[in-house]
């Protein structure tokens, strides 16, 4: 007779319990994705109408008189929800991971009038790169989360700097601050401002990468972009008069 604790492996009963728990988790995730798809947009629209939203640094965005010019915008993965209603239906594109979480993001983005491009700055194949080049060439905005899709939180790789070098388009860092919010227990501390929260969105100055930039320069630019997003968020929290939340 095998002792369950002798290292011979799980008993049939324990294996059934594990299987049941795994199927329950998978079922819950499928249900969650469906709820986000159908209820998420309505909930976010209603919630965001209560936010007291302030925009800082709008002069850093090109005006229509400048003509169509592609540009990158970048922010933290955990803040992606905050600007979603404000920038909706502008024909902007968002780089979304090719994963189950990306499926949820895509459904939400498309309901708000964004175009979702599946892939990443470091992988995703030639198709994703062609899509990114197309939207940028059309003068649209491509939004990329610095530390997405898996983190670590507030980290980034040189993929965005490399793309800015290859295309010549500027990077505009975006920072968000809020005086009260729900923060998920996820790796990115996903942030949802509470009803009637004060929210500040800060556009930083455009950052360009020279075509002649070498690998060391790209790493310095990567650090500079990260610092610029941090500075933008700090400025927002300073304006609100509250402590930064990380």
Protein backbone atom coordinates (compact mmCIF):
# COMPACT_ATOMS: atom_id res chain seq x y z
CA UNK A 1 0.00 0.00 0.00
CA UNK A 2 1.38 3.38 -0.99
CA UNK A 3 1.70 6.13 1.59
CA UNK A 4 0.50 9.46 0.08
CA UNK A 5 3.45 11.15 1.70
CA UNK A 6 6.17 8.77 0.52
CA UNK A 7 6.90 10.64 -2.73
CA UNK A 8 5.20 8.05 -4.97
CA UNK A 9 2.87 10.70 -6.39
CA UNK A 10 -0.69 11.85 -5.73
CA UNK A 11 -3.44 9.40 -4.89
CA UNK A 12 -6.31 9.04 -7.40
CA UNK A 13 -8.58 11.02 -5.10
CA UNK A 14 -6.07 13.85 -4.80
CA UNK A 15 -5.49 13.82 -8.56
CA UNK A 16 -9.24 14.18 -9.11
CA UNK A 17 -9.35 17.14 -6.73
CA UNK A 18 -6.48 18.83 -8.56
CA UNK A 19 -8.17 18.19 -11.90
CA UNK A 20 -11.43 19.66 -10.59
CA UNK A 21 -9.69 22.74 -9.27
CA UNK A 22 -7.82 23.25 -12.54
CA UNK A 23 -11.02 22.95 -14.59
CA UNK A 24 -12.79 25.33 -12.19
CA UNK A 25 -10.02 27.93 -12.61
CA UNK A 26 -10.15 27.60 -16.38
CA UNK A 27 -13.93 27.93 -16.34
CA UNK A 28 -13.72 31.02 -14.16
CA UNK A 29 -11.19 32.61 -16.52
CA UNK A 30 -13.41 31.91 -19.53
CA UNK A 31 -16.38 33.44 -17.71
CA UNK A 32 -14.29 36.46 -16.70
CA UNK A 33 -13.23 37.05 -20.30
CA UNK A 34 -16.85 36.96 -21.44
CA UNK A 35 -17.93 39.35 -18.69
CA UNK A 36 -15.13 41.78 -19.57
CA UNK A 37 -16.07 41.60 -23.24
CA UNK A 38 -19.75 42.34 -22.68
CA UNK A 39 -19.85 44.36 -19.47
CA UNK A 40 -16.38 45.97 -19.35
CA UNK A 41 -16.96 48.78 -21.88
CA UNK A 42 -20.28 49.87 -20.33
CA UNK A 43 -18.82 49.77 -16.83
CA UNK A 44 -15.73 51.75 -17.85
CA UNK A 45 -17.71 54.38 -19.75
CA UNK A 46 -20.00 54.91 -16.78
CA UNK A 47 -17.16 54.98 -14.26
CA UNK A 48 -14.94 57.29 -16.32
CA UNK A 49 -17.70 59.90 -16.60
CA UNK A 50 -17.38 60.44 -12.85
CA UNK A 51 -13.61 61.05 -13.00
CA UNK A 52 -12.37 64.62 -12.73
CA UNK A 53 -9.89 64.38 -15.59
CA UNK A 54 -7.06 66.85 -16.18
CA UNK A 55 -4.68 66.78 -19.17
CA UNK A 56 -1.18 68.26 -18.85
CA UNK A 57 1.33 68.71 -21.67
CA UNK A 58 -1.11 68.64 -24.59
CA UNK A 59 1.28 70.97 -26.42
CA UNK A 60 3.61 67.97 -26.79
CA UNK A 61 1.16 66.37 -29.22
CA UNK A 62 1.37 67.35 -32.91
CA UNK A 63 -1.55 69.49 -34.03
CA UNK A 64 -3.64 68.74 -37.10
CA UNK A 65 -1.95 71.65 -38.86
CA UNK A 66 1.34 69.74 -38.62
CA UNK A 67 -0.01 67.12 -41.00
CA UNK A 68 -0.20 63.39 -40.42
CA UNK A 69 2.81 62.17 -38.47
CA UNK A 70 3.15 58.78 -36.91
CA UNK A 71 4.20 58.57 -33.29
CA UNK A 72 4.65 56.14 -30.44
CA UNK A 73 2.96 56.70 -27.10
CA UNK A 74 4.08 54.70 -24.11
CA UNK A 75 2.86 54.10 -20.57
CA UNK A 76 2.91 51.46 -17.84
CA UNK A 77 0.89 48.30 -18.34
CA UNK A 78 -0.95 48.84 -15.06
CA UNK A 79 -2.22 52.26 -16.20
CA UNK A 80 -3.63 51.24 -19.58
CA UNK A 81 -7.25 51.58 -18.47
CA UNK A 82 -6.99 55.23 -17.44
CA UNK A 83 -6.61 56.80 -20.87
CA UNK A 84 -8.84 54.37 -22.73
CA UNK A 85 -12.06 56.46 -22.72
CA UNK A 86 -10.23 59.77 -23.31
CA UNK A 87 -8.46 58.57 -26.47
CA UNK A 88 -11.32 56.47 -27.84
CA UNK A 89 -12.46 56.50 -31.49
CA UNK A 90 -9.38 58.36 -32.78
CA UNK A 91 -8.16 55.56 -34.98
CA UNK A 92 -5.23 54.84 -32.69
CA UNK A 93 -3.60 51.42 -32.47
CA UNK A 94 -2.38 49.45 -29.46
CA UNK A 95 0.23 46.71 -29.40
CA UNK A 96 -1.36 43.77 -27.57
CA UNK A 97 0.29 40.53 -26.47
CA UNK A 98 -0.55 37.35 -28.35
CA UNK A 99 -1.97 35.61 -25.27
CA UNK A 100 -5.24 34.95 -23.44
CA UNK A 101 -4.82 38.23 -21.54
CA UNK A 102 -4.30 39.86 -24.93
CA UNK A 103 -7.65 38.44 -26.04
CA UNK A 104 -9.34 40.29 -23.18
CA UNK A 105 -7.49 43.52 -23.97
CA UNK A 106 -8.32 43.26 -27.65
CA UNK A 107 -12.04 42.87 -27.00
CA UNK A 108 -12.08 45.92 -24.73
CA UNK A 109 -9.95 48.05 -27.05
CA UNK A 110 -12.03 47.34 -30.12
CA UNK A 111 -15.23 48.27 -28.29
CA UNK A 112 -13.64 51.69 -27.68
CA UNK A 113 -12.63 52.18 -31.30
CA UNK A 114 -8.96 51.18 -31.12
CA UNK A 115 -7.13 48.86 -33.46
CA UNK A 116 -5.34 46.00 -31.71
CA UNK A 117 -2.09 44.70 -33.18
CA UNK A 118 -1.08 41.31 -31.80
CA UNK A 119 2.60 40.81 -31.02
CA UNK A 120 5.30 42.66 -29.08
CA UNK A 121 8.29 44.92 -29.59
CA UNK A 122 10.57 41.88 -29.42
CA UNK A 123 8.49 39.08 -30.93
CA UNK A 124 5.29 38.56 -32.84
CA UNK A 125 6.59 38.02 -36.32
CA UNK A 126 6.79 39.98 -39.51
CA UNK A 127 3.00 40.39 -39.66
CA UNK A 128 2.86 42.47 -36.47
CA UNK A 129 5.81 44.58 -37.61
CA UNK A 130 4.16 45.25 -40.97
CA UNK A 131 0.95 46.31 -39.23
CA UNK A 132 2.87 48.66 -36.95
CA UNK A 133 4.74 50.24 -39.85
CA UNK A 134 1.49 50.64 -41.78
CA UNK A 135 -0.38 52.51 -39.04
CA UNK A 136 2.63 54.71 -38.31
CA UNK A 137 3.04 55.49 -42.01
CA UNK A 138 -0.60 56.54 -42.12
CA UNK A 139 0.14 59.12 -39.44
CA UNK A 140 -1.58 57.24 -36.63
CA UNK A 141 -0.54 56.74 -33.03
CA UNK A 142 0.80 53.40 -31.84
CA UNK A 143 0.47 52.84 -28.08
CA UNK A 144 2.93 50.49 -26.41
CA UNK A 145 3.04 49.52 -22.72
CA UNK A 146 6.63 49.68 -21.52
CA UNK A 147 6.57 46.77 -19.10
CA UNK A 148 3.96 44.64 -20.85
CA UNK A 149 2.83 42.04 -21.28
CA UNK A 150 4.50 40.13 -18.42
CA UNK A 151 6.74 42.58 -16.59
CA UNK A 152 8.57 42.83 -14.30
CA UNK A 153 6.68 45.93 -13.29
CA UNK A 154 8.24 49.21 -14.44
CA UNK A 155 10.92 47.44 -16.46
CA UNK A 156 11.41 47.68 -20.22
CA UNK A 157 13.49 46.27 -23.03
CA UNK A 158 15.13 48.25 -25.88
CA UNK A 159 12.50 47.13 -28.42
CA UNK A 160 10.69 50.48 -28.44
CA UNK A 161 13.93 52.45 -28.82
CA UNK A 162 14.93 50.17 -31.70
CA UNK A 163 11.59 50.79 -33.44
CA UNK A 164 11.90 54.54 -32.96
CA UNK A 165 15.37 54.40 -34.47
CA UNK A 166 14.23 52.29 -37.44
CA UNK A 167 11.18 54.43 -38.23
CA UNK A 168 12.25 57.92 -37.18
CA UNK A 169 8.98 58.49 -35.33
CA UNK A 170 9.02 60.15 -31.88
CA UNK A 171 8.16 58.55 -28.55
CA UNK A 172 5.76 60.44 -26.28
CA UNK A 173 5.85 59.24 -22.65
CA UNK A 174 2.56 59.31 -20.75
CA UNK A 175 2.16 59.32 -17.00
CA UNK A 176 -1.03 58.91 -14.97
CA UNK A 177 -1.78 59.93 -11.41
CA UNK A 178 -4.91 59.61 -9.35
CA UNK A 179 -5.93 60.47 -5.80
CA UNK A 180 -7.80 57.23 -5.10
CA UNK A 181 -8.10 53.94 -6.93
CA UNK A 182 -8.51 50.20 -6.72
CA UNK A 183 -5.25 48.36 -7.36
CA UNK A 184 -5.31 44.73 -8.35
CA UNK A 185 -3.00 42.14 -6.78
CA UNK A 186 -1.42 41.48 -10.16
CA UNK A 187 2.23 41.91 -11.14
CA UNK A 188 1.44 45.33 -12.67
CA UNK A 189 -0.84 46.53 -9.82
CA UNK A 190 -3.51 47.21 -12.43
CA UNK A 191 -5.14 50.52 -11.52
CA UNK A 192 -8.82 51.47 -11.68
CA UNK A 193 -9.66 54.96 -10.37
CA UNK A 194 -12.62 54.99 -8.01
CA UNK A 195 -15.80 56.99 -8.72
CA UNK A 196 -15.19 60.74 -8.66
CA UNK A 197 -11.44 60.31 -8.43
CA UNK A 198 -9.19 63.08 -9.65
CA UNK A 199 -7.09 61.77 -12.53
CA UNK A 200 -4.18 63.59 -14.17
CA UNK A 201 -2.72 62.50 -17.51
CA UNK A 202 0.67 64.01 -18.34
CA UNK A 203 2.15 63.98 -21.85
CA UNK A 204 5.93 64.25 -21.74
CA UNK A 205 8.08 65.91 -24.37
CA UNK A 206 8.63 63.89 -27.58
CA UNK A 207 11.80 61.80 -27.64
CA UNK A 208 13.58 60.84 -30.86
CA UNK A 209 16.25 58.28 -31.62
CA UNK A 210 18.90 58.99 -34.22
CA UNK A 211 19.21 56.51 -37.09
CA UNK A 212 22.91 56.20 -36.26
CA UNK A 213 22.26 55.09 -32.65
CA UNK A 214 24.32 52.06 -31.62
CA UNK A 215 23.37 49.40 -29.07
CA UNK A 216 24.77 51.36 -26.13
CA UNK A 217 22.81 54.43 -27.21
CA UNK A 218 19.61 52.40 -27.48
CA UNK A 219 20.07 51.21 -23.91
CA UNK A 220 20.53 54.81 -22.74
CA UNK A 221 17.41 55.87 -24.63
CA UNK A 222 15.51 52.98 -23.05
CA UNK A 223 16.50 54.20 -19.59
CA UNK A 224 15.62 57.76 -20.55
CA UNK A 225 12.13 56.78 -21.72
CA UNK A 226 11.53 54.89 -18.47
CA UNK A 227 12.71 57.91 -16.47
CA UNK A 228 10.46 60.20 -18.52
CA UNK A 229 7.35 58.13 -17.74
CA UNK A 230 8.29 58.09 -14.05
CA UNK A 231 8.80 61.87 -14.13
CA UNK A 232 5.45 62.40 -15.86
CA UNK A 233 3.67 60.37 -13.19
CA UNK A 234 5.51 62.16 -10.41
CA UNK A 235 4.44 65.50 -11.89
CA UNK A 236 0.83 64.32 -11.90
CA UNK A 237 0.96 63.21 -8.28
CA UNK A 238 2.61 66.50 -7.31
CA UNK A 239 -0.26 68.41 -8.94
CA UNK A 240 -2.76 66.32 -6.99
CA UNK A 241 -0.82 66.80 -3.77
CA UNK A 242 -0.79 63.09 -2.95
CA UNK A 243 1.96 60.52 -2.52
CA UNK A 244 2.99 58.49 -5.52
CA UNK A 245 1.45 55.02 -5.36
CA UNK A 246 4.61 52.98 -6.02
